[in-house]
N, C-alpha and C. Protein backbone atom coordinates (compact mmCIF):
# COMPACT_ATOMS: atom_id res chain seq x y z
N MET A 1 -146.77 100.14 -127.18
CA MET A 1 -147.60 100.59 -126.09
C MET A 1 -147.80 99.43 -125.12
N THR A 2 -147.78 99.73 -123.87
CA THR A 2 -148.01 98.72 -122.84
C THR A 2 -149.11 99.20 -121.90
N LEU A 3 -150.07 98.32 -121.66
CA LEU A 3 -151.17 98.59 -120.74
C LEU A 3 -150.95 97.75 -119.49
N TYR A 4 -151.34 98.31 -118.36
CA TYR A 4 -151.24 97.58 -117.11
C TYR A 4 -152.61 97.55 -116.45
N THR A 5 -153.08 96.35 -116.13
CA THR A 5 -154.33 96.19 -115.41
C THR A 5 -153.99 95.60 -114.05
N GLU A 6 -155.00 95.31 -113.27
CA GLU A 6 -154.75 94.76 -111.95
C GLU A 6 -153.95 93.46 -112.00
N ASN A 7 -154.24 92.61 -112.99
CA ASN A 7 -153.61 91.29 -113.06
C ASN A 7 -152.76 91.02 -114.30
N PHE A 8 -152.77 91.93 -115.27
CA PHE A 8 -152.10 91.65 -116.54
C PHE A 8 -151.27 92.83 -117.04
N GLU A 9 -150.27 92.48 -117.84
CA GLU A 9 -149.53 93.43 -118.65
C GLU A 9 -149.89 93.08 -120.09
N ILE A 10 -150.28 94.09 -120.87
CA ILE A 10 -150.71 93.89 -122.25
C ILE A 10 -149.84 94.76 -123.14
N GLY A 11 -149.17 94.15 -124.09
CA GLY A 11 -148.30 94.89 -125.00
C GLY A 11 -148.89 94.93 -126.39
N LEU A 12 -148.73 96.06 -127.06
CA LEU A 12 -149.21 96.23 -128.43
C LEU A 12 -148.09 96.79 -129.29
N TYR A 13 -147.85 96.14 -130.42
CA TYR A 13 -146.87 96.63 -131.38
C TYR A 13 -147.54 97.61 -132.33
N GLU A 14 -146.76 98.40 -133.01
CA GLU A 14 -147.29 99.36 -133.98
C GLU A 14 -148.06 98.63 -135.08
N PRO A 15 -149.16 99.22 -135.57
CA PRO A 15 -149.91 98.60 -136.66
C PRO A 15 -149.08 98.50 -137.94
N GLU A 16 -149.35 97.45 -138.69
CA GLU A 16 -148.71 97.28 -140.00
C GLU A 16 -149.43 98.14 -141.03
N ARG A 17 -148.85 98.30 -142.19
CA ARG A 17 -149.46 99.09 -143.26
C ARG A 17 -150.81 98.54 -143.72
N ASP A 18 -150.97 97.22 -143.64
CA ASP A 18 -152.22 96.59 -144.08
C ASP A 18 -153.32 96.63 -143.02
N GLY A 19 -153.04 97.26 -141.88
CA GLY A 19 -154.03 97.37 -140.81
C GLY A 19 -153.95 96.27 -139.78
N GLY A 20 -153.07 95.30 -140.00
CA GLY A 20 -152.88 94.23 -139.03
C GLY A 20 -152.04 94.73 -137.87
N GLN A 21 -152.22 94.11 -136.74
CA GLN A 21 -151.46 94.49 -135.55
C GLN A 21 -151.32 93.27 -134.66
N TYR A 22 -150.22 93.20 -133.92
CA TYR A 22 -149.97 92.08 -133.02
C TYR A 22 -149.75 92.62 -131.62
N GLY A 23 -150.16 91.83 -130.65
CA GLY A 23 -149.94 92.18 -129.26
C GLY A 23 -149.74 90.93 -128.43
N TRP A 24 -149.60 91.10 -127.15
CA TRP A 24 -149.38 89.98 -126.24
C TRP A 24 -149.92 90.34 -124.87
N PHE A 25 -150.10 89.35 -124.04
CA PHE A 25 -150.50 89.58 -122.65
C PHE A 25 -149.82 88.57 -121.76
N GLU A 26 -149.60 88.97 -120.52
CA GLU A 26 -148.92 88.12 -119.54
C GLU A 26 -149.48 88.44 -118.16
N HIS A 27 -149.73 87.41 -117.39
CA HIS A 27 -150.27 87.57 -116.04
C HIS A 27 -149.17 88.09 -115.12
N ASN A 28 -149.52 88.99 -114.22
CA ASN A 28 -148.53 89.59 -113.32
C ASN A 28 -147.90 88.57 -112.37
N GLU A 29 -148.63 87.57 -111.96
CA GLU A 29 -148.11 86.57 -111.03
C GLU A 29 -147.67 85.29 -111.74
N HIS A 30 -148.45 84.82 -112.70
CA HIS A 30 -148.18 83.54 -113.36
C HIS A 30 -147.38 83.68 -114.66
N GLY A 31 -147.11 84.89 -115.07
CA GLY A 31 -146.28 85.15 -116.24
C GLY A 31 -146.81 84.53 -117.52
N GLU A 32 -145.90 83.96 -118.30
CA GLU A 32 -146.23 83.39 -119.60
C GLU A 32 -147.13 82.16 -119.49
N GLU A 33 -147.17 81.54 -118.32
CA GLU A 33 -148.05 80.38 -118.14
C GLU A 33 -149.51 80.76 -118.33
N TYR A 34 -149.84 82.01 -118.10
CA TYR A 34 -151.19 82.52 -118.29
C TYR A 34 -151.11 83.76 -119.18
N GLY A 35 -150.46 83.58 -120.31
CA GLY A 35 -150.26 84.66 -121.25
C GLY A 35 -150.41 84.16 -122.67
N GLY A 36 -150.23 85.05 -123.64
CA GLY A 36 -150.34 84.64 -125.03
C GLY A 36 -150.26 85.81 -125.98
N GLY A 37 -150.64 85.53 -127.23
CA GLY A 37 -150.60 86.52 -128.29
C GLY A 37 -151.98 87.04 -128.65
N LEU A 38 -152.01 88.22 -129.24
CA LEU A 38 -153.24 88.88 -129.68
C LEU A 38 -153.06 89.33 -131.12
N TRP A 39 -154.06 89.10 -131.96
CA TRP A 39 -154.02 89.52 -133.36
C TRP A 39 -155.20 90.42 -133.66
N PHE A 40 -154.91 91.54 -134.31
CA PHE A 40 -155.91 92.54 -134.64
C PHE A 40 -155.90 92.79 -136.15
N GLU A 41 -157.07 93.10 -136.67
CA GLU A 41 -157.20 93.55 -138.06
C GLU A 41 -158.09 94.78 -138.07
N LEU A 42 -157.55 95.89 -138.55
CA LEU A 42 -158.29 97.13 -138.67
C LEU A 42 -159.04 97.49 -137.38
N GLY A 43 -158.34 97.39 -136.25
CA GLY A 43 -158.89 97.80 -134.98
C GLY A 43 -159.81 96.80 -134.30
N GLN A 44 -159.88 95.59 -134.85
CA GLN A 44 -160.73 94.55 -134.25
C GLN A 44 -159.86 93.38 -133.80
N LEU A 45 -160.08 92.92 -132.58
CA LEU A 45 -159.40 91.72 -132.08
C LEU A 45 -160.00 90.52 -132.79
N VAL A 46 -159.17 89.80 -133.57
CA VAL A 46 -159.69 88.70 -134.38
C VAL A 46 -159.21 87.33 -133.93
N ASP A 47 -158.15 87.26 -133.12
CA ASP A 47 -157.65 85.96 -132.68
C ASP A 47 -156.72 86.14 -131.48
N TYR A 48 -156.50 85.05 -130.77
CA TYR A 48 -155.56 85.05 -129.65
C TYR A 48 -155.08 83.62 -129.45
N ASP A 49 -154.00 83.46 -128.70
CA ASP A 49 -153.53 82.13 -128.35
C ASP A 49 -152.93 82.17 -126.95
N GLY A 50 -152.52 81.03 -126.47
CA GLY A 50 -151.85 80.97 -125.18
C GLY A 50 -152.67 80.37 -124.08
N ILE A 51 -153.93 80.74 -124.00
CA ILE A 51 -154.82 80.16 -123.01
C ILE A 51 -156.08 79.69 -123.73
N GLY A 52 -156.69 78.66 -123.22
CA GLY A 52 -157.84 78.09 -123.90
C GLY A 52 -159.16 78.64 -123.39
N GLY A 53 -160.15 78.58 -124.23
CA GLY A 53 -161.50 78.88 -123.83
C GLY A 53 -161.94 80.32 -124.02
N TYR A 54 -161.24 81.25 -123.41
CA TYR A 54 -161.67 82.65 -123.46
C TYR A 54 -160.53 83.55 -123.00
N LEU A 55 -160.62 84.80 -123.40
CA LEU A 55 -159.71 85.81 -122.86
C LEU A 55 -160.37 86.40 -121.62
N PRO A 56 -159.62 86.65 -120.58
CA PRO A 56 -160.20 87.26 -119.38
C PRO A 56 -160.86 88.60 -119.69
N LYS A 57 -161.97 88.85 -119.03
CA LYS A 57 -162.73 90.09 -119.19
C LYS A 57 -161.84 91.31 -118.95
N GLU A 58 -160.92 91.21 -118.03
CA GLU A 58 -160.01 92.31 -117.70
C GLU A 58 -159.19 92.74 -118.93
N ILE A 59 -158.74 91.78 -119.72
CA ILE A 59 -157.98 92.08 -120.93
C ILE A 59 -158.90 92.71 -121.97
N LEU A 60 -160.06 92.10 -122.19
CA LEU A 60 -161.01 92.63 -123.18
C LEU A 60 -161.43 94.05 -122.83
N ASP A 61 -161.73 94.30 -121.56
CA ASP A 61 -162.14 95.63 -121.14
C ASP A 61 -161.03 96.66 -121.36
N ALA A 62 -159.79 96.30 -121.08
CA ALA A 62 -158.66 97.22 -121.27
C ALA A 62 -158.48 97.55 -122.75
N LEU A 63 -158.59 96.55 -123.61
CA LEU A 63 -158.45 96.79 -125.05
C LEU A 63 -159.60 97.64 -125.58
N GLU A 64 -160.80 97.35 -125.12
CA GLU A 64 -161.96 98.12 -125.55
C GLU A 64 -161.84 99.58 -125.10
N ALA A 65 -161.30 99.81 -123.91
CA ALA A 65 -161.16 101.17 -123.37
C ALA A 65 -160.25 102.05 -124.23
N ILE A 66 -159.33 101.42 -124.97
CA ILE A 66 -158.45 102.23 -125.83
C ILE A 66 -158.88 102.18 -127.29
N GLY A 67 -160.09 101.64 -127.56
CA GLY A 67 -160.66 101.76 -128.89
C GLY A 67 -160.75 100.52 -129.74
N PHE A 68 -160.30 99.37 -129.25
CA PHE A 68 -160.39 98.15 -130.05
C PHE A 68 -161.80 97.55 -129.95
N ASP A 69 -162.25 96.96 -131.05
CA ASP A 69 -163.51 96.21 -131.08
C ASP A 69 -163.19 94.79 -130.62
N VAL A 70 -163.75 94.38 -129.50
CA VAL A 70 -163.48 93.06 -128.93
C VAL A 70 -164.74 92.20 -128.79
N GLU A 71 -165.88 92.68 -129.26
CA GLU A 71 -167.17 92.01 -129.04
C GLU A 71 -167.18 90.56 -129.48
N ASP A 72 -166.55 90.24 -130.61
CA ASP A 72 -166.56 88.85 -131.10
C ASP A 72 -165.77 87.90 -130.21
N MET A 73 -164.93 88.42 -129.31
CA MET A 73 -164.14 87.58 -128.43
C MET A 73 -164.75 87.42 -127.03
N ARG A 74 -165.83 88.16 -126.77
CA ARG A 74 -166.48 88.03 -125.46
C ARG A 74 -167.34 86.78 -125.43
N PRO A 75 -167.34 86.07 -124.30
CA PRO A 75 -168.25 84.93 -124.16
C PRO A 75 -169.69 85.40 -124.36
N ARG A 76 -170.51 84.58 -124.94
CA ARG A 76 -171.89 84.94 -125.25
C ARG A 76 -172.65 85.49 -124.05
N ASP A 77 -172.43 84.95 -122.86
CA ASP A 77 -173.16 85.41 -121.69
C ASP A 77 -172.71 86.77 -121.19
N GLU A 78 -171.62 87.34 -121.75
CA GLU A 78 -171.15 88.67 -121.38
C GLU A 78 -171.72 89.75 -122.30
N ASN A 79 -172.19 89.37 -123.48
CA ASN A 79 -172.68 90.35 -124.47
C ASN A 79 -174.00 90.95 -124.07
């Protein structure tokens, strides 16, 4: 599955039997320089890589809109 937001393309692979799932994101203009990987467990975003500090709100909102729990990855001031 691929999601498209204003600034990002977000890809999701099929879930594994154990409930794990992998995905990725890439900026529409900056590509892989502002992209990375996403790791899910049982419908919850548990880790990411590629950019430091935080995942953009746009990515978190898109994942949440399709049913993923992303609360633990939001900056404290967004909760």
